[in-house]
């Protein structure tokens, strides 16, 4: 698969708050591995952890957030959606296509965070 065919995307997932730490890590690995297996590449992953929800989902007021930026062919997202819809540990998910400005912004934001850690 040629690199020029890859689009940039961001995936945000809210896992159920009753998920054990090991299951949370396994779920993250499952989705990142799925993208790699389908010719994509992971740019960045960020586990936000437990956060309050704006409104209850399935009578839950918190969720475990995870954000992943990746590059993949557009057909990979349809397959990824099927996998996510089958996963009972997911409460919500959203895939966003990133334009070049969003990719540049995310890169700058990551660099600033890395500089703050090393300073």
Protein backbone atom coordinates (compact mmCIF):
# COMPACT_ATOMS: atom_id res chain seq x y z
CA UNK A 1 0.00 0.00 0.00
CA UNK A 2 1.50 3.32 -1.03
CA UNK A 3 2.02 5.98 1.60
CA UNK A 4 0.29 8.67 -0.48
CA UNK A 5 -2.99 6.70 -0.23
CA UNK A 6 -2.97 6.94 3.57
CA UNK A 7 -5.21 9.52 5.19
CA UNK A 8 -4.75 10.89 8.70
CA UNK A 9 -7.43 10.04 11.26
CA UNK A 10 -8.09 10.40 14.94
CA UNK A 11 -10.02 7.79 16.87
CA UNK A 12 -11.57 8.62 20.23
CA UNK A 13 -13.01 5.77 22.25
CA UNK A 14 -14.89 5.76 25.55
CA UNK A 15 -14.60 2.41 27.29
CA UNK A 16 -16.91 1.28 30.06
CA UNK A 17 -15.62 2.43 33.48
CA UNK A 18 -15.82 -1.09 34.96
CA UNK A 19 -12.99 -2.26 32.67
CA UNK A 20 -9.95 -3.63 34.50
CA UNK A 21 -6.56 -2.03 33.72
CA UNK A 22 -5.33 -5.15 31.89
CA UNK A 23 -8.50 -5.30 29.77
CA UNK A 24 -8.16 -1.57 28.99
CA UNK A 25 -4.58 -2.09 27.77
CA UNK A 26 -5.61 -5.20 25.81
CA UNK A 27 -8.44 -3.28 24.11
CA UNK A 28 -6.06 -0.46 23.12
CA UNK A 29 -3.61 -3.00 21.70
CA UNK A 30 -6.41 -4.80 19.82
CA UNK A 31 -7.44 -1.66 17.92
CA UNK A 32 -3.91 -0.39 17.26
CA UNK A 33 -2.88 -3.87 16.04
CA UNK A 34 -5.97 -3.98 13.79
CA UNK A 35 -4.88 -0.77 12.07
CA UNK A 36 -1.30 -2.02 11.63
CA UNK A 37 -2.52 -5.37 10.25
CA UNK A 38 -4.60 -3.51 7.65
CA UNK A 39 -1.67 -1.45 6.34
CA UNK A 40 -2.05 1.58 8.59
CA UNK A 41 0.45 3.21 10.91
CA UNK A 42 0.00 4.55 14.43
CA UNK A 43 1.14 8.17 14.82
CA UNK A 44 0.31 8.69 18.50
CA UNK A 45 -1.76 7.17 21.31
CA UNK A 46 -2.94 8.92 24.43
CA UNK A 47 -4.77 7.22 27.30
CA UNK A 48 -6.75 9.96 29.03
CA UNK A 49 -8.05 7.66 31.73
CA UNK A 50 -11.28 7.93 33.70
CA UNK A 51 -13.32 11.07 32.99
CA UNK A 52 -16.83 12.28 33.73
CA UNK A 53 -19.31 12.11 30.88
CA UNK A 54 -21.39 15.10 29.79
CA UNK A 55 -24.50 12.91 30.03
CA UNK A 56 -25.12 9.36 31.29
CA UNK A 57 -24.58 6.52 28.80
CA UNK A 58 -26.18 3.19 29.75
CA UNK A 59 -26.67 4.56 33.30
CA UNK A 60 -22.90 5.26 33.63
CA UNK A 61 -21.62 8.75 34.43
CA UNK A 62 -17.91 8.09 33.80
CA UNK A 63 -15.90 6.44 31.07
CA UNK A 64 -12.28 5.57 30.29
CA UNK A 65 -11.11 7.70 27.38
CA UNK A 66 -8.47 6.78 24.80
CA UNK A 67 -7.36 8.78 21.74
CA UNK A 68 -5.28 7.45 18.86
CA UNK A 69 -3.97 9.32 15.83
CA UNK A 70 -3.20 7.09 12.86
CA UNK A 71 -2.74 6.93 9.11
CA UNK A 72 -4.67 4.39 7.05
CA UNK A 73 -6.47 3.83 3.78
CA UNK A 74 -10.08 5.00 3.90
CA UNK A 75 -11.49 1.44 3.61
CA UNK A 76 -9.82 0.46 6.91
CA UNK A 77 -12.27 2.64 8.86
CA UNK A 78 -15.30 0.61 7.77
CA UNK A 79 -13.63 -2.60 8.99
CA UNK A 80 -12.57 -0.85 12.21
CA UNK A 81 -16.15 0.35 12.80
CA UNK A 82 -17.39 -3.26 12.58
CA UNK A 83 -14.81 -4.36 15.16
CA UNK A 84 -15.73 -1.51 17.51
CA UNK A 85 -19.48 -2.11 17.18
CA UNK A 86 -18.93 -5.74 18.21
CA UNK A 87 -16.94 -4.80 21.33
CA UNK A 88 -19.13 -4.73 24.45
CA UNK A 89 -16.53 -2.71 26.40
CA UNK A 90 -17.01 0.35 24.16
CA UNK A 91 -19.66 2.88 25.10
CA UNK A 92 -18.91 5.38 22.30
CA UNK A 93 -16.39 5.86 19.51
CA UNK A 94 -15.70 8.50 16.90
CA UNK A 95 -13.35 8.54 13.92
CA UNK A 96 -12.38 11.96 12.59
CA UNK A 97 -10.47 12.58 9.37
CA UNK A 98 -7.67 15.07 10.02
CA UNK A 99 -6.65 17.65 7.42
CA UNK A 100 -3.05 18.85 7.13
CA UNK A 101 -3.70 21.70 9.59
CA UNK A 102 -5.04 19.36 12.28
CA UNK A 103 -2.05 17.02 11.79
CA UNK A 104 0.36 19.97 12.13
CA UNK A 105 -1.51 21.22 15.23
CA UNK A 106 -1.38 17.80 16.91
CA UNK A 107 2.34 17.55 16.14
CA UNK A 108 3.02 20.98 17.66
CA UNK A 109 0.92 20.13 20.71
CA UNK A 110 2.83 16.86 21.26
CA UNK A 111 6.19 18.66 20.89
CA UNK A 112 5.20 21.29 23.45
CA UNK A 113 4.14 18.57 25.88
CA UNK A 114 7.44 16.74 25.32
CA UNK A 115 9.40 19.98 25.91
CA UNK A 116 7.48 20.64 29.14
CA UNK A 117 8.32 17.15 30.42
CA UNK A 118 12.04 17.49 29.64
CA UNK A 119 12.29 21.05 31.03
